[in-house]
Amino acid sequence: MSGADLPQWYTRGNVTKTIRTAGRTSDVATRDLVDLLVDEELDAPRERIRTLVESVRERPISQSDTPTCDVGELRPLESRFVDTTDAAYLGRHDLALVLGVVLSQYDGSFQTLIDEDHVAVDLFWNRQHTTIALRTIGRPPRTPVTEKEVQEVVNGEISRPGGRAPSTVGIVSTAGFTERGRDLAEENDIELYGSAHLDRWFEDAHLTEDILGRLLEKTEEGTEDIASVVADLPELPEQIRTKDPLGTVGTTEWTSEGEVPDPPESPVFAPTPNSESGTREKGILYADPDDDGDYQCFEQFIDKLSGEDE
């Protein structure tokens, strides 16, 4: 990203000021802030950075300036949002339905093929001028999609019964793809969408567990019967809807095992503790949350970011 393309709220080399400025501005999408920090500043897991940003946004602007008062009735807990980890444990048809709902929030409509077992894809996303056919595969980490599974899409039927052929064919996987699987997909013009894309889609959609539960109840009733559920979803902001959700995501994801490589040292997160001694220094925030010297250091860092700019 060139200097001219960088947003005004970004201060190069000053992660703290950037998060303070953008992390507390409602019109800056969390995904955009995380993407910029991944590309320009931080060498740490994307989920770790997103947790950092979201924690700052949840804090008061300045705790020292917040008036004290008696604690009244506690407000109800907000429902958490569905993420890629949840999607990994959905069945094929359930995942196709959920992704159809999520993608149609950007634009267009969708159709799932629940009973068409002879068709190699299970989701058709109908955009303004194109139709995208997707095979959705949900599975736990470290079980990437193999060459054999890609071959099933290559050899299988990818058109709706009585419908026109899609302009794009893709495979969505929550666990990445093997190297041979990626090579075969490239040879046959099949697009691959992994956890980086799924992270983006779910971050944008803000699909709650309640909505997910209602959708899964409707799985066997067909897409026409889920209109009441979809109607309850908030409309995506225009700055998100104008971006192509199938476009390149700024993170490295495709390795031979479908995993994200270990990040190098970063200016905010310390690298992995000394491998010989295994020493974790107290008060130090490491790239891997399991390596933090003590459980209070993350909260202390968030308190610092949530304070007033100096």
Protein backbone atom coordinates (compact mmCIF):
# COMPACT_ATOMS: atom_id res chain seq x y z
CA MET A 1 0.00 0.00 0.00
CA SER A 2 1.50 3.33 -1.06
CA GLY A 3 1.68 6.35 1.19
CA ALA A 4 -1.01 8.11 -0.80
CA ASP A 5 -3.44 5.22 -0.17
CA LEU A 6 -2.97 5.11 3.60
CA PRO A 7 -5.88 6.46 5.69
CA GLN A 8 -5.52 9.64 7.74
CA TRP A 9 -6.03 7.80 11.00
CA TYR A 10 -2.89 5.71 10.40
CA THR A 11 0.40 6.82 11.97
CA ARG A 12 3.30 4.82 10.59
CA GLY A 13 5.45 3.24 13.29
CA ASN A 14 3.01 4.19 16.05
CA VAL A 15 0.65 1.28 16.58
CA THR A 16 -0.67 2.68 19.84
CA LYS A 17 -1.76 5.98 18.29
CA THR A 18 -3.23 4.24 15.25
CA ILE A 19 -5.38 1.93 17.36
CA ARG A 20 -6.41 4.76 19.65
CA THR A 21 -7.44 6.95 16.72
CA ALA A 22 -9.08 4.42 14.39
CA GLY A 23 -10.07 1.82 16.94
CA ARG A 24 -12.46 4.24 18.59
CA THR A 25 -13.93 5.69 15.38
CA SER A 26 -17.25 4.05 14.51
CA ASP A 27 -16.99 4.60 10.74
CA VAL A 28 -13.70 2.66 10.49
CA ALA A 29 -14.51 -1.02 10.00
CA THR A 30 -12.71 -3.38 12.36
CA ARG A 31 -11.65 -5.50 9.39
CA ASP A 32 -10.04 -2.49 7.65
CA LEU A 33 -8.06 -1.59 10.76
CA VAL A 34 -6.92 -5.17 11.29
CA ASP A 35 -5.97 -5.53 7.61
CA LEU A 36 -3.83 -2.40 7.75
CA LEU A 37 -2.05 -3.47 10.95
CA VAL A 38 -1.35 -6.90 9.44
CA ASP A 39 0.00 -5.38 6.21
CA GLU A 40 1.95 -2.44 7.63
CA GLU A 41 2.87 -2.98 11.27
CA LEU A 42 2.24 -6.22 13.15
CA ASP A 43 3.63 -9.69 12.64
CA ALA A 44 1.22 -11.56 14.87
CA PRO A 45 -1.78 -13.83 14.32
CA ARG A 46 -4.72 -11.97 12.78
CA GLU A 47 -7.06 -13.20 15.52
CA ARG A 48 -4.72 -11.79 18.19
CA ILE A 49 -4.74 -8.37 16.49
CA ARG A 50 -8.51 -8.42 16.05
CA THR A 51 -8.98 -9.22 19.75
CA LEU A 52 -6.76 -6.25 20.59
CA VAL A 53 -8.74 -3.86 18.39
CA GLU A 54 -12.14 -5.09 19.57
CA SER A 55 -11.07 -4.84 23.21
CA VAL A 56 -10.11 -1.19 22.73
CA ARG A 57 -13.45 -0.42 21.10
CA GLU A 58 -15.34 -1.97 24.00
CA ARG A 59 -13.60 0.22 26.59
CA PRO A 60 -14.75 3.69 27.68
CA ILE A 61 -12.89 6.58 26.03
CA SER A 62 -11.18 7.48 29.27
CA GLN A 63 -11.71 5.53 32.43
CA SER A 64 -10.34 8.33 34.57
CA ASP A 65 -13.00 10.75 33.23
CA THR A 66 -15.91 8.35 33.63
CA PRO A 67 -18.18 9.54 36.47
CA THR A 68 -18.69 7.06 39.28
CA CYS A 69 -22.16 5.93 40.19
CA ASP A 70 -23.92 3.20 42.08
CA VAL A 71 -24.20 -0.05 40.19
CA GLY A 72 -27.79 -0.58 39.13
CA GLU A 73 -29.29 -3.39 37.13
CA LEU A 74 -26.70 -5.19 35.06
CA ARG A 75 -27.25 -4.93 31.33
CA PRO A 76 -27.82 -8.25 29.55
CA LEU A 77 -24.88 -9.92 27.87
CA GLU A 78 -24.70 -9.32 24.14
CA SER A 79 -24.81 -12.38 21.92
CA ARG A 80 -21.42 -13.25 20.45
CA PHE A 81 -20.88 -13.26 16.73
CA VAL A 82 -20.38 -16.41 14.69
CA ASP A 83 -16.84 -16.85 13.36
CA THR A 84 -14.78 -19.24 11.25
CA THR A 85 -14.25 -21.59 14.19
CA ASP A 86 -18.00 -22.07 14.49
CA ALA A 87 -18.31 -22.62 10.74
CA ALA A 88 -15.71 -25.41 10.88
CA TYR A 89 -18.17 -27.65 12.73
CA LEU A 90 -21.21 -27.09 10.53
CA GLY A 91 -22.42 -29.80 8.18
CA ARG A 92 -22.15 -29.29 4.42
CA HIS A 93 -25.71 -28.12 3.85
CA ASP A 94 -25.76 -25.98 7.01
CA LEU A 95 -22.53 -24.26 6.00
CA ALA A 96 -23.84 -23.63 2.48
CA LEU A 97 -26.98 -22.00 3.87
CA VAL A 98 -25.08 -19.82 6.35
CA LEU A 99 -22.58 -18.67 3.72
CA GLY A 100 -25.41 -17.97 1.29
CA VAL A 101 -27.02 -15.66 3.83
CA VAL A 102 -23.69 -13.96 4.62
CA LEU A 103 -22.68 -13.40 0.98
CA SER A 104 -26.12 -12.17 -0.05
CA GLN A 105 -25.74 -9.38 2.51
CA TYR A 106 -23.18 -7.82 0.15
CA ASP A 107 -25.49 -8.09 -2.87
CA GLY A 108 -27.67 -10.46 -4.84
CA SER A 109 -29.44 -13.64 -3.78
CA PHE A 110 -28.53 -17.29 -3.29
CA GLN A 111 -29.74 -20.85 -3.74
CA THR A 112 -28.62 -23.98 -1.95
CA LEU A 113 -28.90 -27.49 -3.38
CA ILE A 114 -29.93 -29.63 -0.45
CA ASP A 115 -31.21 -32.72 -2.24
CA GLU A 116 -29.12 -32.56 -5.41
CA ASP A 117 -26.36 -34.99 -4.38
CA HIS A 118 -25.19 -35.47 -7.97
CA VAL A 119 -24.12 -31.82 -8.15
CA ALA A 120 -20.53 -31.15 -7.03
CA VAL A 121 -21.34 -27.70 -5.61
CA ASP A 122 -23.91 -26.81 -2.98
CA LEU A 123 -24.28 -23.03 -3.13
CA PHE A 124 -25.07 -20.62 -5.96
CA TRP A 125 -24.55 -16.93 -5.26
CA ASN A 126 -26.41 -14.82 -7.82
CA ARG A 127 -24.79 -11.41 -8.09
CA GLN A 128 -25.86 -8.56 -10.36
CA HIS A 129 -24.16 -9.82 -13.51
CA THR A 130 -22.56 -13.11 -12.46
CA THR A 131 -23.30 -16.41 -10.76
CA ILE A 132 -20.74 -18.01 -8.46
CA ALA A 133 -20.95 -21.75 -7.74
CA LEU A 134 -19.33 -22.83 -4.47
CA ARG A 135 -18.50 -26.14 -2.83
CA THR A 136 -18.46 -25.51 0.92
CA ILE A 137 -16.30 -27.67 3.20
CA GLY A 138 -16.30 -27.17 6.95
CA ARG A 139 -13.79 -29.07 9.06
CA PRO A 140 -11.46 -28.54 12.04
CA PRO A 141 -7.95 -27.06 11.63
CA ARG A 142 -5.07 -29.18 10.29
CA THR A 143 -7.38 -31.12 7.97
CA PRO A 144 -6.96 -29.24 4.67
CA VAL A 145 -8.90 -30.00 1.51
CA THR A 146 -7.03 -32.55 -0.59
CA GLU A 147 -6.41 -33.05 -4.29
CA LYS A 148 -9.07 -35.79 -4.34
CA GLU A 149 -11.75 -33.40 -3.08
CA VAL A 150 -10.79 -30.75 -5.61
CA GLN A 151 -10.96 -33.43 -8.32
CA GLU A 152 -14.59 -34.09 -7.35
CA VAL A 153 -15.43 -30.51 -8.28
CA VAL A 154 -13.36 -30.70 -11.47
CA ASN A 155 -15.19 -33.82 -12.63
CA GLY A 156 -18.62 -33.09 -11.16
CA GLU A 157 -21.69 -31.22 -12.31
CA ILE A 158 -21.48 -27.52 -11.41
CA SER A 159 -24.69 -26.17 -12.95
CA ARG A 160 -28.13 -25.96 -11.44
CA PRO A 161 -30.66 -28.35 -12.91
CA GLY A 162 -32.08 -26.49 -15.89
CA GLY A 163 -29.93 -23.46 -15.16
CA ARG A 164 -27.03 -21.76 -16.89
CA ALA A 165 -23.42 -22.52 -16.14
CA PRO A 166 -21.82 -20.33 -13.43
CA SER A 167 -19.21 -17.74 -14.39
CA THR A 168 -17.01 -18.64 -11.40
CA VAL A 169 -16.52 -21.92 -9.57
CA GLY A 170 -14.89 -21.99 -6.15
CA ILE A 171 -14.26 -24.08 -3.05
CA VAL A 172 -14.66 -22.66 0.45
CA SER A 173 -12.68 -24.40 3.21
CA THR A 174 -12.33 -23.58 6.89
CA ALA A 175 -9.03 -25.51 7.06
CA GLY A 176 -7.11 -24.47 3.94
CA PHE A 177 -5.89 -26.68 1.10
CA THR A 178 -2.99 -29.00 0.45
CA GLU A 179 -0.36 -27.90 -2.06
CA ARG A 180 -1.46 -30.49 -4.63
CA GLY A 181 -5.05 -29.47 -4.11
CA ARG A 182 -4.17 -25.84 -4.82
CA ASP A 183 -2.22 -26.78 -7.93
CA LEU A 184 -5.12 -28.81 -9.32
CA ALA A 185 -7.56 -26.00 -8.61
CA GLU A 186 -5.34 -23.50 -10.40
CA GLU A 187 -5.02 -25.78 -13.42
CA ASN A 188 -8.82 -25.91 -13.70
CA ASP A 189 -9.63 -22.25 -12.93
CA ILE A 190 -11.25 -23.07 -9.59
CA GLU A 191 -11.02 -20.28 -7.03
CA LEU A 192 -10.09 -21.14 -3.44
CA TYR A 193 -11.45 -19.31 -0.41
CA GLY A 194 -10.03 -20.19 3.00
CA SER A 195 -10.16 -18.92 6.56
CA ALA A 196 -8.85 -15.46 5.63
CA HIS A 197 -11.89 -14.86 3.42
CA LEU A 198 -14.22 -16.47 5.95
CA ASP A 199 -12.83 -14.23 8.69
CA ARG A 200 -13.63 -11.19 6.54
CA TRP A 201 -17.15 -12.37 5.70
CA PHE A 202 -18.10 -13.17 9.28
CA GLU A 203 -16.54 -9.95 10.62
CA ASP A 204 -18.66 -7.98 8.16
CA ALA A 205 -21.90 -9.91 8.65
CA HIS A 206 -22.05 -9.84 12.48
CA LEU A 207 -24.11 -13.01 12.49
CA THR A 208 -25.23 -13.72 16.05
CA GLU A 209 -25.60 -17.15 17.60
CA ASP A 210 -29.34 -16.54 17.83
CA ILE A 211 -29.57 -15.91 14.07
CA LEU A 212 -27.39 -18.96 13.41
CA GLY A 213 -29.70 -21.14 15.46
CA ARG A 214 -32.76 -19.88 13.58
CA LEU A 215 -31.05 -20.50 10.25
CA LEU A 216 -30.15 -24.07 11.15
CA GLU A 217 -33.76 -24.71 12.08
CA LYS A 218 -34.71 -23.64 8.55
CA THR A 219 -32.07 -25.72 6.72
CA GLU A 220 -34.52 -28.34 5.50
CA GLU A 221 -37.26 -25.85 4.62
CA GLY A 222 -35.47 -24.28 1.62
CA THR A 223 -34.10 -20.79 1.11
CA GLU A 224 -37.52 -19.30 0.41
CA ASP A 225 -38.55 -19.93 4.01
CA ILE A 226 -35.67 -18.08 5.66
CA ALA A 227 -36.71 -14.60 4.53
CA SER A 228 -37.98 -13.76 8.02
CA VAL A 229 -34.59 -14.64 9.51
CA VAL A 230 -32.61 -12.70 6.91
CA ALA A 231 -34.86 -9.67 7.44
CA ASP A 232 -33.58 -9.40 11.01
CA LEU A 233 -29.97 -8.99 9.89
CA PRO A 234 -28.60 -5.41 9.92
CA GLU A 235 -27.76 -4.00 6.50
CA LEU A 236 -24.04 -3.81 5.78
CA PRO A 237 -22.56 -0.29 5.69
CA GLU A 238 -22.06 1.07 2.19
CA GLN A 239 -18.24 1.17 2.52
CA ILE A 240 -18.32 -2.59 3.12
CA ARG A 241 -20.88 -3.47 0.45
CA THR A 242 -18.84 -1.67 -2.21
CA LYS A 243 -15.84 -3.96 -1.60
CA ASP A 244 -15.58 -7.29 -3.37
CA PRO A 245 -15.80 -10.03 -0.70
CA LEU A 246 -14.11 -12.45 -3.09
CA GLY A 247 -11.11 -10.16 -3.60
CA THR A 248 -7.61 -10.80 -2.30
CA VAL A 249 -7.25 -10.75 1.49
CA GLY A 250 -4.00 -9.30 2.82
CA THR A 251 -2.73 -12.28 4.77
CA THR A 252 -0.62 -15.36 4.01
CA GLU A 253 -2.68 -18.51 4.31
CA TRP A 254 -1.90 -21.14 1.72
CA THR A 255 0.82 -23.53 2.84
CA SER A 256 1.16 -27.22 2.09
CA GLU A 257 -0.75 -27.97 5.27
CA GLY A 258 -3.27 -25.16 4.93
CA GLU A 259 -1.97 -23.32 7.99
CA VAL A 260 -0.78 -19.79 8.63
CA PRO A 261 3.03 -19.67 9.04
CA ASP A 262 4.47 -18.65 12.40
CA PRO A 263 4.86 -14.84 12.53
CA PRO A 264 8.25 -13.16 12.99
CA GLU A 265 9.03 -10.59 15.65
CA SER A 266 6.77 -7.50 15.74
CA PRO A 267 7.07 -4.00 17.29
CA VAL A 268 4.16 -4.61 19.69
CA PHE A 269 4.04 -8.35 20.31
CA ALA A 270 7.19 -10.04 21.51
CA PRO A 271 8.35 -13.19 19.69
CA THR A 272 8.09 -16.67 21.13
CA PRO A 273 9.88 -16.98 24.50
CA ASN A 274 13.44 -18.26 24.52
CA SER A 275 13.21 -21.84 23.28
CA GLU A 276 16.06 -23.03 25.49
CA SER A 277 14.90 -21.64 28.79
CA GLY A 278 11.19 -21.31 27.98
CA THR A 279 11.24 -18.15 30.11
CA ARG A 280 8.18 -15.92 29.84
CA GLU A 281 8.96 -12.45 31.10
CA LYS A 282 6.28 -11.00 33.35
CA GLY A 283 4.39 -8.07 31.83
CA ILE A 284 5.40 -8.92 28.25
CA LEU A 285 2.72 -9.35 25.56
CA TYR A 286 3.69 -12.18 23.20
CA ALA A 287 2.36 -12.90 19.72
CA ASP A 288 0.85 -16.15 21.02
CA PRO A 289 -1.55 -15.40 23.92
CA ASP A 290 -0.59 -18.71 25.55
CA ASP A 291 2.95 -17.34 25.97
CA ASP A 292 2.01 -14.16 27.88
CA GLY A 293 4.11 -13.73 31.00
CA ASP A 294 1.01 -13.22 33.16
CA TYR A 295 -2.69 -12.95 32.47
CA GLN A 296 -2.80 -9.27 33.47
CA CYS A 297 -0.43 -7.97 30.79
CA PHE A 298 -3.04 -8.01 28.00
CA GLU A 299 -5.56 -6.13 30.15
CA GLN A 300 -2.88 -3.62 31.13
CA PHE A 301 -1.99 -3.05 27.47
CA ILE A 302 -5.67 -2.50 26.61
CA ASP A 303 -5.94 0.00 29.50
CA LYS A 304 -3.01 1.89 28.01
CA LEU A 305 -4.56 1.97 24.52
CA SER A 306 -7.95 3.00 25.92
CA GLY A 307 -6.52 6.05 27.65
CA GLU A 308 -6.40 9.59 26.27
CA ASP A 309 -3.79 10.46 23.62
CA GLU A 310 -0.76 12.08 25.12
